[in-house]
């Protein structure tokens, strides 16, 4: 069987997910959805979208950055455990059906509804756009609806902050289905990890490359340790003997997300709360845990970097397969809406 051949009558649920190609991936991506993608790729038909077209909505001044990071994100996918024989990795801008579906879907959503989307509102505020919002950025919910429905995805692994995007996708699906009088498109559900959103190293609500509060999936042990030592803890926990708070303490949040030894973490929490456990001891444990997770990913990435031709062939093959899938959906939507086809 070829790398992206789909067995006949494959009734596994379809996953569509992906990332904007604005920089290498970090721990926030890993805990937010990448870990789920690796776990689900053999029980689902999974498509991973390198969202370079969406990345241009707020990076049009630097298209070279967007282009170069297509390869960087693909390397992170493969290094983290994505299997190209189980998951189709494809490039968004090379799938014209997605852009055409976006244009059609924009007729089924209002500007007011786009502006009310909580994810878009938060991102507009974070980027200080004011009213100077790139039109493509504002229309991202319609573009994401096109992405999801073009692959007929029913499951979308996302971080908690992206759940409103899936809700709006389903609104568009219902409007189009009402318009054509049948269940042409399928609704999707958001698959949100138990951890939810991973805070930044500085305690801010979100880990973000633009805020410089991340740990990349290619970080060295020294970089990981340095980042952990700079993490926010309980400001009132001055001496080891002082009782401390674990709520809102970034180091414990990360231990909850990444340390598989639940009993040890519970013991650390109890000792920290009653006093007698220093911040440095907790940070050293976290640094060790993160080095053990990121180390193998970093090593696999270094190996893959030496054969970029292999990675490009994965993208070429995956995008070709994705083009067939998305074009078929686009044709069905056009026909259902009664548009001309020649």
C-alpha atoms as a PDB file:
ATOM      1  CA  UNK A   1       0.000   0.000   0.000  1.00  0.00           C
ATOM      2  CA  UNK A   2       1.339   3.502  -0.846  1.00  0.00           C
ATOM      3  CA  UNK A   3       2.094   6.022   1.858  1.00  0.00           C
ATOM      4  CA  UNK A   4      -1.295   7.722   1.570  1.00  0.00           C
ATOM      5  CA  UNK A   5      -3.571   5.093   0.104  1.00  0.00           C
ATOM      6  CA  UNK A   6      -6.881   4.787   1.965  1.00  0.00           C
ATOM      7  CA  UNK A   7      -8.231   1.253   2.291  1.00  0.00           C
ATOM      8  CA  UNK A   8     -11.667   0.790   0.715  1.00  0.00           C
ATOM      9  CA  UNK A   9     -14.576   1.137   3.147  1.00  0.00           C
ATOM     10  CA  UNK A  10     -12.329   2.701   5.803  1.00  0.00           C
ATOM     11  CA  UNK A  11     -14.887   3.775   8.404  1.00  0.00           C
ATOM     12  CA  UNK A  12     -12.473   5.142  10.987  1.00  0.00           C
ATOM     13  CA  UNK A  13     -13.300   8.652  12.265  1.00  0.00           C
ATOM     14  CA  UNK A  14     -11.496  11.438  10.405  1.00  0.00           C
ATOM     15  CA  UNK A  15      -9.214  13.874  12.238  1.00  0.00           C
ATOM     16  CA  UNK A  16      -8.147  17.231  10.829  1.00  0.00           C
ATOM     17  CA  UNK A  17      -5.757  19.413  12.750  1.00  0.00           C
ATOM     18  CA  UNK A  18      -2.645  21.457  12.121  1.00  0.00           C
ATOM     19  CA  UNK A  19      -0.546  24.492  12.957  1.00  0.00           C
ATOM     20  CA  UNK A  20       0.290  27.910  11.594  1.00  0.00           C
ATOM     21  CA  UNK A  21       3.778  27.870  10.123  1.00  0.00           C
ATOM     22  CA  UNK A  22       5.177  30.850  12.008  1.00  0.00           C
ATOM     23  CA  UNK A  23       7.932  29.052  13.910  1.00  0.00           C
ATOM     24  CA  UNK A  24       9.004  25.709  15.367  1.00  0.00           C
ATOM     25  CA  UNK A  25       6.581  24.034  17.759  1.00  0.00           C
ATOM     26  CA  UNK A  26       6.860  24.263  21.541  1.00  0.00           C
ATOM     27  CA  UNK A  27       5.578  22.494  24.642  1.00  0.00           C
ATOM     28  CA  UNK A  28       2.264  24.327  24.425  1.00  0.00           C
ATOM     29  CA  UNK A  29       1.621  22.673  21.050  1.00  0.00           C
ATOM     30  CA  UNK A  30       2.743  19.319  22.416  1.00  0.00           C
ATOM     31  CA  UNK A  31       0.399  19.242  25.400  1.00  0.00           C
ATOM     32  CA  UNK A  32      -2.357  21.150  23.577  1.00  0.00           C
ATOM     33  CA  UNK A  33      -2.851  18.743  20.693  1.00  0.00           C
ATOM     34  CA  UNK A  34       0.321  17.141  19.303  1.00  0.00           C
ATOM     35  CA  UNK A  35       0.414  14.466  21.982  1.00  0.00           C
ATOM     36  CA  UNK A  36      -3.186  13.547  21.137  1.00  0.00           C
ATOM     37  CA  UNK A  37      -2.394  13.403  17.423  1.00  0.00           C
ATOM     38  CA  UNK A  38       0.383  10.885  17.954  1.00  0.00           C
ATOM     39  CA  UNK A  39      -1.850   8.749  20.160  1.00  0.00           C
ATOM     40  CA  UNK A  40      -4.813   8.728  17.754  1.00  0.00           C
ATOM     41  CA  UNK A  41      -3.146   8.419  14.356  1.00  0.00           C
ATOM     42  CA  UNK A  42      -3.549   4.651  14.038  1.00  0.00           C
ATOM     43  CA  UNK A  43      -7.178   4.504  15.206  1.00  0.00           C
ATOM     44  CA  UNK A  44      -8.289   7.419  12.994  1.00  0.00           C
ATOM     45  CA  UNK A  45      -7.753   8.699   9.472  1.00  0.00           C
ATOM     46  CA  UNK A  46      -5.699  11.751  10.307  1.00  0.00           C
ATOM     47  CA  UNK A  47      -4.746  14.806   8.258  1.00  0.00           C
ATOM     48  CA  UNK A  48      -2.223  17.348   9.525  1.00  0.00           C
ATOM     49  CA  UNK A  49      -2.418  20.734   7.827  1.00  0.00           C
ATOM     50  CA  UNK A  50       0.621  23.000   7.617  1.00  0.00           C
ATOM     51  CA  UNK A  51      -1.387  26.228   7.708  1.00  0.00           C
ATOM     52  CA  UNK A  52       0.895  28.544   5.764  1.00  0.00           C
ATOM     53  CA  UNK A  53      -1.964  30.430   4.096  1.00  0.00           C
ATOM     54  CA  UNK A  54      -3.497  31.191   7.479  1.00  0.00           C
ATOM     55  CA  UNK A  55      -0.096  32.230   8.820  1.00  0.00           C
ATOM     56  CA  UNK A  56       0.046  34.914   6.127  1.00  0.00           C
ATOM     57  CA  UNK A  57      -3.021  36.652   7.585  1.00  0.00           C
ATOM     58  CA  UNK A  58      -0.790  38.400  10.119  1.00  0.00           C
ATOM     59  CA  UNK A  59       2.610  37.764   8.512  1.00  0.00           C
ATOM     60  CA  UNK A  60       2.080  39.064   4.982  1.00  0.00           C
ATOM     61  CA  UNK A  61       5.062  41.366   5.526  1.00  0.00           C
ATOM     62  CA  UNK A  62       7.348  38.327   5.930  1.00  0.00           C
ATOM     63  CA  UNK A  63       6.277  35.486   3.617  1.00  0.00           C
ATOM     64  CA  UNK A  64       9.803  34.029   3.691  1.00  0.00           C
ATOM     65  CA  UNK A  65       9.335  33.271   7.402  1.00  0.00           C
ATOM     66  CA  UNK A  66       6.062  31.490   6.697  1.00  0.00           C
ATOM     67  CA  UNK A  67       7.595  29.461   3.862  1.00  0.00           C
ATOM     68  CA  UNK A  68      10.704  28.398   5.790  1.00  0.00           C
ATOM     69  CA  UNK A  69       8.664  27.291   8.789  1.00  0.00           C
ATOM     70  CA  UNK A  70       6.650  24.832   6.699  1.00  0.00           C
ATOM     71  CA  UNK A  71       9.689  22.586   6.863  1.00  0.00           C
ATOM     72  CA  UNK A  72      10.404  23.403  10.529  1.00  0.00           C
ATOM     73  CA  UNK A  73       6.910  22.429  11.669  1.00  0.00           C
ATOM     74  CA  UNK A  74       6.979  19.296   9.498  1.00  0.00           C
ATOM     75  CA  UNK A  75      10.261  18.293  11.158  1.00  0.00           C
ATOM     76  CA  UNK A  76       8.655  18.794  14.574  1.00  0.00           C
ATOM     77  CA  UNK A  77       5.683  16.626  13.594  1.00  0.00           C
ATOM     78  CA  UNK A  78       7.865  13.750  12.484  1.00  0.00           C
ATOM     79  CA  UNK A  79      10.274  14.075  15.400  1.00  0.00           C
ATOM     80  CA  UNK A  80       7.391  14.046  17.905  1.00  0.00           C
ATOM     81  CA  UNK A  81       6.131  10.727  16.558  1.00  0.00           C
ATOM     82  CA  UNK A  82       3.797  11.479  13.672  1.00  0.00           C
ATOM     83  CA  UNK A  83       3.960   8.497  11.301  1.00  0.00           C
ATOM     84  CA  UNK A  84       3.684   9.541   7.630  1.00  0.00           C
ATOM     85  CA  UNK A  85       2.345   6.060   6.813  1.00  0.00           C
ATOM     86  CA  UNK A  86      -0.589   6.677   9.184  1.00  0.00           C
ATOM     87  CA  UNK A  87      -1.039  10.461   8.979  1.00  0.00           C
ATOM     88  CA  UNK A  88      -1.308  12.638   5.874  1.00  0.00           C
ATOM     89  CA  UNK A  89       0.792  15.796   6.264  1.00  0.00           C
ATOM     90  CA  UNK A  90      -0.157  18.466   3.715  1.00  0.00           C
ATOM     91  CA  UNK A  91       0.481  22.130   2.857  1.00  0.00           C
ATOM     92  CA  UNK A  92      -2.563  24.404   3.038  1.00  0.00           C
ATOM     93  CA  UNK A  93      -1.607  26.879   0.304  1.00  0.00           C
ATOM     94  CA  UNK A  94      -1.217  24.023  -2.202  1.00  0.00           C
ATOM     95  CA  UNK A  95      -4.867  23.001  -1.767  1.00  0.00           C
ATOM     96  CA  UNK A  96      -6.907  25.480  -3.856  1.00  0.00           C
ATOM     97  CA  UNK A  97     -10.209  23.860  -2.871  1.00  0.00           C
ATOM     98  CA  UNK A  98      -9.755  25.240   0.652  1.00  0.00           C
ATOM     99  CA  UNK A  99      -9.577  28.838  -0.563  1.00  0.00           C
ATOM    100  CA  UNK A 100     -12.589  28.355  -2.818  1.00  0.00           C
ATOM    101  CA  UNK A 101     -14.651  26.787  -0.048  1.00  0.00           C
ATOM    102  CA  UNK A 102     -13.691  29.683   2.239  1.00  0.00           C
ATOM    103  CA  UNK A 103     -15.107  32.162  -0.283  1.00  0.00           C
ATOM    104  CA  UNK A 104     -18.347  30.190  -0.467  1.00  0.00           C
ATOM    105  CA  UNK A 105     -18.654  29.871   3.310  1.00  0.00           C
ATOM    106  CA  UNK A 106     -18.183  33.603   3.870  1.00  0.00           C
ATOM    107  CA  UNK A 107     -21.647  34.033   2.359  1.00  0.00           C
ATOM    108  CA  UNK A 108     -23.078  32.023   5.271  1.00  0.00           C
ATOM    109  CA  UNK A 109     -21.586  34.029   8.155  1.00  0.00           C
ATOM    110  CA  UNK A 110     -21.810  37.700   9.132  1.00  0.00           C
ATOM    111  CA  UNK A 111     -18.996  40.093  10.026  1.00  0.00           C
ATOM    112  CA  UNK A 112     -20.644  40.608  13.415  1.00  0.00           C
ATOM    113  CA  UNK A 113     -20.503  36.872  14.126  1.00  0.00           C
ATOM    114  CA  UNK A 114     -16.859  36.686  13.070  1.00  0.00           C
ATOM    115  CA  UNK A 115     -16.030  39.553  15.422  1.00  0.00           C
ATOM    116  CA  UNK A 116     -17.854  37.865  18.316  1.00  0.00           C
ATOM    117  CA  UNK A 117     -15.779  34.691  18.085  1.00  0.00           C
ATOM    118  CA  UNK A 118     -13.927  34.577  21.451  1.00  0.00           C
ATOM    119  CA  UNK A 119     -10.762  33.116  19.925  1.00  0.00           C
ATOM    120  CA  UNK A 120     -10.586  35.854  17.304  1.00  0.00           C
ATOM    121  CA  UNK A 121     -11.332  38.548  19.887  1.00  0.00           C
ATOM    122  CA  UNK A 122      -8.503  37.323  22.118  1.00  0.00           C
ATOM    123  CA  UNK A 123      -6.040  37.115  19.236  1.00  0.00           C
ATOM    124  CA  UNK A 124      -6.962  40.599  17.966  1.00  0.00           C
ATOM    125  CA  UNK A 125      -6.341  42.001  21.428  1.00  0.00           C
ATOM    126  CA  UNK A 126      -3.063  40.096  21.833  1.00  0.00           C
ATOM    127  CA  UNK A 127      -1.792  41.520  18.542  1.00  0.00           C
ATOM    128  CA  UNK A 128      -3.041  45.074  19.283  1.00  0.00           C
ATOM    129  CA  UNK A 129      -4.771  45.289  15.901  1.00  0.00           C
ATOM    130  CA  UNK A 130      -7.483  47.676  17.099  1.00  0.00           C
ATOM    131  CA  UNK A 131      -9.630  48.211  14.013  1.00  0.00           C
ATOM    132  CA  UNK A 132      -6.708  47.601  11.641  1.00  0.00           C
ATOM    133  CA  UNK A 133      -7.520  43.908  11.440  1.00  0.00           C
ATOM    134  CA  UNK A 134      -6.312  42.102   8.309  1.00  0.00           C
ATOM    135  CA  UNK A 135      -9.443  40.869   6.535  1.00  0.00           C
ATOM    136  CA  UNK A 136      -7.947  37.405   6.179  1.00  0.00           C
ATOM    137  CA  UNK A 137      -7.362  37.244   9.926  1.00  0.00           C
ATOM    138  CA  UNK A 138     -10.956  38.212  10.729  1.00  0.00           C
ATOM    139  CA  UNK A 139     -12.232  35.607   8.273  1.00  0.00           C
ATOM    140  CA  UNK A 140     -10.158  32.814   9.805  1.00  0.00           C
ATOM    141  CA  UNK A 141     -13.214  31.017  11.318  1.00  0.00           C
ATOM    142  CA  UNK A 142     -14.659  30.589   7.819  1.00  0.00           C
ATOM    143  CA  UNK A 143     -11.286  29.398   6.528  1.00  0.00           C
ATOM    144  CA  UNK A 144     -11.021  26.872   9.336  1.00  0.00           C
ATOM    145  CA  UNK A 145     -14.548  25.667   8.579  1.00  0.00           C
ATOM    146  CA  UNK A 146     -13.385  25.105   5.005  1.00  0.00           C
ATOM    147  CA  UNK A 147     -10.348  23.161   6.218  1.00  0.00           C
ATOM    148  CA  UNK A 148     -12.368  20.911   8.526  1.00  0.00           C
ATOM    149  CA  UNK A 149     -15.259  20.205   6.179  1.00  0.00           C
ATOM    150  CA  UNK A 150     -13.073  19.717   3.101  1.00  0.00           C
ATOM    151  CA  UNK A 151     -11.545  16.674   4.784  1.00  0.00           C
ATOM    152  CA  UNK A 152     -14.931  15.652   6.244  1.00  0.00           C
ATOM    153  CA  UNK A 153     -13.349  15.624   9.668  1.00  0.00           C
ATOM    154  CA  UNK A 154     -15.461  14.636  12.649  1.00  0.00           C
ATOM    155  CA  UNK A 155     -12.749  15.059  15.313  1.00  0.00           C
ATOM    156  CA  UNK A 156     -10.475  18.076  15.727  1.00  0.00           C
ATOM    157  CA  UNK A 157      -7.818  17.899  18.487  1.00  0.00           C
ATOM    158  CA  UNK A 158      -7.337  21.480  19.689  1.00  0.00           C
ATOM    159  CA  UNK A 159      -6.336  23.421  22.734  1.00  0.00           C
ATOM    160  CA  UNK A 160      -9.118  24.773  24.930  1.00  0.00           C
ATOM    161  CA  UNK A 161      -8.756  28.271  23.443  1.00  0.00           C
ATOM    162  CA  UNK A 162      -9.676  26.963  19.968  1.00  0.00           C
ATOM    163  CA  UNK A 163     -13.001  25.345  20.925  1.00  0.00           C
ATOM    164  CA  UNK A 164     -15.062  28.382  19.767  1.00  0.00           C
ATOM    165  CA  UNK A 165     -13.635  27.894  16.280  1.00  0.00           C
ATOM    166  CA  UNK A 166     -15.114  24.394  16.097  1.00  0.00           C
ATOM    167  CA  UNK A 167     -18.441  25.720  17.343  1.00  0.00           C
ATOM    168  CA  UNK A 168     -18.499  28.285  14.551  1.00  0.00           C
ATOM    169  CA  UNK A 169     -17.538  25.665  11.989  1.00  0.00           C
ATOM    170  CA  UNK A 170     -20.593  23.664  13.009  1.00  0.00           C
ATOM    171  CA  UNK A 171     -22.798  26.750  12.703  1.00  0.00           C
ATOM    172  CA  UNK A 172     -21.644  27.174   9.105  1.00  0.00           C
ATOM    173  CA  UNK A 173     -22.188  23.471   8.429  1.00  0.00           C
ATOM    174  CA  UNK A 174     -25.772  23.691   9.697  1.00  0.00           C
ATOM    175  CA  UNK A 175     -26.517  26.786   7.615  1.00  0.00           C
ATOM    176  CA  UNK A 176     -25.233  25.190   4.430  1.00  0.00           C
ATOM    177  CA  UNK A 177     -27.077  21.939   5.127  1.00  0.00           C
ATOM    178  CA  UNK A 178     -30.302  23.908   5.622  1.00  0.00           C
ATOM    179  CA  UNK A 179     -29.664  25.772   2.383  1.00  0.00           C
ATOM    180  CA  UNK A 180     -29.210  22.619   0.303  1.00  0.00           C
ATOM    181  CA  UNK A 181     -31.888  20.662   2.171  1.00  0.00           C
ATOM    182  CA  UNK A 182     -29.763  17.676   3.176  1.00  0.00           C
ATOM    183  CA  UNK A 183     -26.845  16.596   5.329  1.00  0.00           C
ATOM    184  CA  UNK A 184     -24.167  17.537   2.818  1.00  0.00           C
ATOM    185  CA  UNK A 185     -21.493  18.385   5.422  1.00  0.00           C
ATOM    186  CA  UNK A 186     -20.784  16.744   8.760  1.00  0.00           C
ATOM    187  CA  UNK A 187     -20.296  18.452  12.103  1.00  0.00           C
ATOM    188  CA  UNK A 188     -17.062  18.013  14.050  1.00  0.00           C
ATOM    189  CA  UNK A 189     -16.304  17.839  17.744  1.00  0.00           C
ATOM    190  CA  UNK A 190     -13.367  19.418  19.510  1.00  0.00           C
ATOM    191  CA  UNK A 191     -11.072  16.977  21.278  1.00  0.00           C
ATOM    192  CA  UNK A 192      -9.609  18.982  24.162  1.00  0.00           C
ATOM    193  CA  UNK A 193      -6.878  17.453  26.333  1.00  0.00           C
ATOM    194  CA  UNK A 194      -7.491  17.270  30.082  1.00  0.00           C
ATOM    195  CA  UNK A 195      -4.636  19.696  30.660  1.00  0.00           C
ATOM    196  CA  UNK A 196      -6.223  22.399  28.520  1.00  0.00           C
ATOM    197  CA  UNK A 197      -4.087  25.472  27.898  1.00  0.00           C
ATOM    198  CA  UNK A 198      -0.474  25.411  29.079  1.00  0.00           C
ATOM    199  CA  UNK A 199       0.592  28.732  30.643  1.00  0.00           C
ATOM    200  CA  UNK A 200       3.748  30.497  29.553  1.00  0.00           C
ATOM    201  CA  UNK A 201       6.979  30.287  31.538  1.00  0.00           C
ATOM    202  CA  UNK A 202       6.207  33.736  32.962  1.00  0.00           C
ATOM    203  CA  UNK A 203       2.794  32.685  34.281  1.00  0.00           C
ATOM    204  CA  UNK A 204       0.831  34.378  31.518  1.00  0.00           C
ATOM    205  CA  UNK A 205      -2.309  32.644  30.362  1.00  0.00           C
ATOM    206  CA  UNK A 206      -0.827  31.276  27.147  1.00  0.00           C
ATOM    207  CA  UNK A 207       2.523  29.975  25.967  1.00  0.00           C
ATOM    208  CA  UNK A 208       3.293  31.974  22.840  1.00  0.00           C
ATOM    209  CA  UNK A 209       6.288  32.357  20.541  1.00  0.00           C
ATOM    210  CA  UNK A 210       5.508  36.064  20.151  1.00  0.00           C
ATOM    211  CA  UNK A 211       5.745  36.589  23.915  1.00  0.00           C
ATOM    212  CA  UNK A 212       9.003  34.670  24.252  1.00  0.00           C
ATOM    213  CA  UNK A 213       7.679  32.466  27.063  1.00  0.00           C
ATOM    214  CA  UNK A 214       8.051  29.053  25.422  1.00  0.00           C
ATOM    215  CA  UNK A 215      10.254  25.962  25.432  1.00  0.00           C
ATOM    216  CA  UNK A 216      10.722  24.620  21.908  1.00  0.00           C
ATOM    217  CA  UNK A 217      10.581  20.925  21.068  1.00  0.00           C
ATOM    218  CA  UNK A 218      14.195  21.182  19.855  1.00  0.00           C
ATOM    219  CA  UNK A 219      15.546  22.875  23.005  1.00  0.00           C
ATOM    220  CA  UNK A 220      18.809  21.567  24.449  1.00  0.00           C
ATOM    221  CA  UNK A 221      19.007  20.264  28.015  1.00  0.00           C
ATOM    222  CA  UNK A 222      20.781  23.480  29.023  1.00  0.00           C
ATOM    223  CA  UNK A 223      18.060  25.625  27.438  1.00  0.00           C
ATOM    224  CA  UNK A 224      15.335  23.584  29.138  1.00  0.00           C
ATOM    225  CA  UNK A 225      17.007  23.855  32.535  1.00  0.00           C
ATOM    226  CA  UNK A 226      17.563  27.591  32.142  1.00  0.00           C
ATOM    227  CA  UNK A 227      13.917  28.105  31.175  1.00  0.00           C
ATOM    228  CA  UNK A 228      12.657  26.090  34.142  1.00  0.00           C
ATOM    229  CA  UNK A 229      14.860  27.987  36.580  1.00  0.00           C
ATOM    230  CA  UNK A 230      13.253  31.228  35.359  1.00  0.00           C
ATOM    231  CA  UNK A 231       9.713  29.942  35.894  1.00  0.00           C
ATOM    232  CA  UNK A 232       7.183  31.735  38.062  1.00  0.00           C
ATOM    233  CA  UNK A 233       6.405  30.081  41.411  1.00  0.00           C
ATOM    234  CA  UNK A 234       4.693  31.283  44.613  1.00  0.00           C
ATOM    235  CA  UNK A 235       6.127  34.765  45.387  1.00  0.00           C
ATOM    236  CA  UNK A 236       5.344  34.292  49.088  1.00  0.00           C
ATOM    237  CA  UNK A 237       7.316  31.056  49.292  1.00  0.00           C
ATOM    238  CA  UNK A 238      10.564  32.781  50.243  1.00  0.00           C
ATOM    239  CA  UNK A 239      12.130  30.168  52.520  1.00  0.00           C
ATOM    240  CA  UNK A 240      12.010  26.401  52.148  1.00  0.00           C
ATOM    241  CA  UNK A 241      10.125  26.145  55.444  1.00  0.00           C
ATOM    242  CA  UNK A 242       7.386  28.553  54.284  1.00  0.00           C
ATOM    243  CA  UNK A 243       4.025  27.021  53.305  1.00  0.00           C
ATOM    244  CA  UNK A 244       3.504  27.424  49.570  1.00  0.00           C
ATOM    245  CA  UNK A 245       0.665  27.545  47.049  1.00  0.00           C
ATOM    246  CA  UNK A 246       0.461  25.158  44.137  1.00  0.00           C
ATOM    247  CA  UNK A 247      -2.552  26.835  42.515  1.00  0.00           C
ATOM    248  CA  UNK A 248      -1.259  29.209  39.854  1.00  0.00           C
ATOM    249  CA  UNK A 249       2.276  27.932  40.404  1.00  0.00           C
ATOM    250  CA  UNK A 250       3.604  27.352  36.881  1.00  0.00           C
ATOM    251  CA  UNK A 251       6.122  24.702  37.944  1.00  0.00           C
ATOM    252  CA  UNK A 252       3.396  22.509  39.435  1.00  0.00           C
ATOM    253  CA  UNK A 253       1.150  23.137  36.436  1.00  0.00           C
ATOM    254  CA  UNK A 254       3.895  21.750  34.215  1.00  0.00           C
ATOM    255  CA  UNK A 255       4.462  18.778  36.514  1.00  0.00           C
ATOM    256  CA  UNK A 256       0.748  17.989  36.277  1.00  0.00           C
ATOM    257  CA  UNK A 257       1.010  18.127  32.485  1.00  0.00           C
ATOM    258  CA  UNK A 258       4.217  16.168  31.937  1.00  0.00           C
ATOM    259  CA  UNK A 259       5.230  14.087  34.985  1.00  0.00           C
ATOM    260  CA  UNK A 260       3.818  10.571  34.651  1.00  0.00           C
ATOM    261  CA  UNK A 261       4.580   9.721  38.308  1.00  0.00           C
ATOM    262  CA  UNK A 262       1.344  11.005  39.818  1.00  0.00           C
ATOM    263  CA  UNK A 263       2.170   9.792  43.323  1.00  0.00           C
ATOM    264  CA  UNK A 264       5.474  11.666  43.356  1.00  0.00           C
ATOM    265  CA  UNK A 265       3.783  14.855  42.161  1.00  0.00           C
ATOM    266  CA  UNK A 266       1.094  14.523  44.840  1.00  0.00           C
ATOM    267  CA  UNK A 267       3.827  14.074  47.468  1.00  0.00           C
ATOM    268  CA  UNK A 268       5.664  17.162  46.214  1.00  0.00           C
ATOM    269  CA  UNK A 269       2.449  19.182  46.393  1.00  0.00           C
ATOM    270  CA  UNK A 270       1.688  18.087  49.954  1.00  0.00           C
ATOM    271  CA  UNK A 271       5.212  18.894  51.152  1.00  0.00           C
ATOM    272  CA  UNK A 272       5.210  22.258  49.355  1.00  0.00           C
ATOM    273  CA  UNK A 273       1.833  23.269  50.807  1.00  0.00           C
ATOM    274  CA  UNK A 274       2.784  22.489  54.398  1.00  0.00           C
ATOM    275  CA  UNK A 275       6.335  23.847  54.033  1.00  0.00           C
ATOM    276  CA  UNK A 276       9.654  22.079  53.851  1.00  0.00           C
ATOM    277  CA  UNK A 277      10.146  21.778  50.080  1.00  0.00           C
ATOM    278  CA  UNK A 278      12.179  24.378  48.211  1.00  0.00           C
ATOM    279  CA  UNK A 279      11.440  25.802  44.775  1.00  0.00           C
ATOM    280  CA  UNK A 280      14.793  24.625  43.441  1.00  0.00           C
ATOM    281  CA  UNK A 281      14.019  20.997  44.310  1.00  0.00           C
ATOM    282  CA  UNK A 282      10.714  21.175  42.451  1.00  0.00           C
ATOM    283  CA  UNK A 283      12.306  22.919  39.481  1.00  0.00           C
ATOM    284  CA  UNK A 284      15.087  20.349  39.237  1.00  0.00           C
ATOM    285  CA  UNK A 285      12.501  17.564  39.047  1.00  0.00           C
ATOM    286  CA  UNK A 286      10.596  19.399  36.319  1.00  0.00           C
ATOM    287  CA  UNK A 287      13.772  20.044  34.334  1.00  0.00           C
ATOM    288  CA  UNK A 288      14.604  16.339  34.465  1.00  0.00           C
ATOM    289  CA  UNK A 289      11.104  15.362  33.321  1.00  0.00           C
ATOM    290  CA  UNK A 290      11.146  17.814  30.406  1.00  0.00           C
ATOM    291  CA  UNK A 291      14.642  16.796  29.310  1.00  0.00           C
ATOM    292  CA  UNK A 292      13.496  13.173  29.189  1.00  0.00           C
ATOM    293  CA  UNK A 293      10.529  14.121  26.963  1.00  0.00           C
ATOM    294  CA  UNK A 294      12.236  16.619  24.662  1.00  0.00           C
ATOM    295  CA  UNK A 295      15.603  14.832  24.378  1.00  0.00           C
ATOM    296  CA  UNK A 296      14.401  11.984  22.105  1.00  0.00           C
ATOM    297  CA  UNK A 297      12.331  14.439  20.020  1.00  0.00           C
ATOM    298  CA  UNK A 298      15.382  16.679  19.564  1.00  0.00           C
ATOM    299  CA  UNK A 299      17.578  13.738  18.542  1.00  0.00           C
ATOM    300  CA  UNK A 300      15.060  12.459  15.985  1.00  0.00           C
ATOM    301  CA  UNK A 301      14.723  15.975  14.592  1.00  0.00           C
ATOM    302  CA  UNK A 302      18.491  16.277  14.116  1.00  0.00           C
ATOM    303  CA  UNK A 303      18.483  13.005  12.176  1.00  0.00           C
ATOM    304  CA  UNK A 304      15.593  14.129   9.959  1.00  0.00           C
ATOM    305  CA  UNK A 305      17.257  17.474   9.266  1.00  0.00           C
ATOM    306  CA  UNK A 306      20.068  15.617   7.534  1.00  0.00           C
ATOM    307  CA  UNK A 307      17.617  14.249   4.947  1.00  0.00           C
ATOM    308  CA  UNK A 308      15.313  17.120   4.039  1.00  0.00           C
ATOM    309  CA  UNK A 309      14.610  15.516   0.688  1.00  0.00           C
ATOM    310  CA  UNK A 310      12.828  12.710   2.518  1.00  0.00           C
ATOM    311  CA  UNK A 311      10.708  15.236   4.440  1.00  0.00           C
ATOM    312  CA  UNK A 312       9.858  17.140   1.242  1.00  0.00           C
ATOM    313  CA  UNK A 313       8.716  13.908  -0.396  1.00  0.00           C
ATOM    314  CA  UNK A 314       6.396  13.262   2.565  1.00  0.00           C
ATOM    315  CA  UNK A 315       4.888  16.732   2.097  1.00  0.00           C
ATOM    316  CA  UNK A 316       4.612  16.306  -1.666  1.00  0.00           C
ATOM    317  CA  UNK A 317       2.889  12.926  -1.389  1.00  0.00           C
ATOM    318  CA  UNK A 318       0.606  14.020   1.442  1.00  0.00           C
ATOM    319  CA  UNK A 319      -0.431  17.213  -0.327  1.00  0.00           C
ATOM    320  CA  UNK A 320      -1.222  15.312  -3.523  1.00  0.00           C
ATOM    321  CA  UNK A 321      -3.504  12.947  -1.615  1.00  0.00           C
ATOM    322  CA  UNK A 322      -5.111  15.841   0.294  1.00  0.00           C
ATOM    323  CA  UNK A 323      -5.744  17.672  -2.983  1.00  0.00           C
ATOM    324  CA  UNK A 324      -7.835  14.762  -4.243  1.00  0.00           C
ATOM    325  CA  UNK A 325      -9.850  14.618  -1.004  1.00  0.00           C
ATOM    326  CA  UNK A 326     -10.519  18.361  -0.750  1.00  0.00           C
ATOM    327  CA  UNK A 327     -11.311  18.792  -4.446  1.00  0.00           C
ATOM    328  CA  UNK A 328     -13.970  16.095  -4.195  1.00  0.00           C
ATOM    329  CA  UNK A 329     -15.664  17.916  -1.296  1.00  0.00           C
ATOM    330  CA  UNK A 330     -15.449  21.261  -3.094  1.00  0.00           C
ATOM    331  CA  UNK A 331     -17.133  19.757  -6.159  1.00  0.00           C
ATOM    332  CA  UNK A 332     -19.944  18.320  -4.032  1.00  0.00           C
ATOM    333  CA  UNK A 333     -20.543  21.684  -2.316  1.00  0.00           C
ATOM    334  CA  UNK A 334     -20.570  23.559  -5.637  1.00  0.00           C
ATOM    335  CA  UNK A 335     -23.008  21.084  -7.163  1.00  0.00           C
ATOM    336  CA  UNK A 336     -25.275  21.186  -4.098  1.00  0.00           C
ATOM    337  CA  UNK A 337     -25.413  24.981  -4.207  1.00  0.00           C
ATOM    338  CA  UNK A 338     -26.284  24.881  -7.898  1.00  0.00           C
ATOM    339  CA  UNK A 339     -23.159  26.587  -9.199  1.00  0.00           C
ATOM    340  CA  UNK A 340     -21.955  26.047 -12.762  1.00  0.00           C
ATOM    341  CA  UNK A 341     -19.357  23.372 -13.384  1.00  0.00           C
ATOM    342  CA  UNK A 342     -17.658  23.032 -16.760  1.00  0.00           C
END
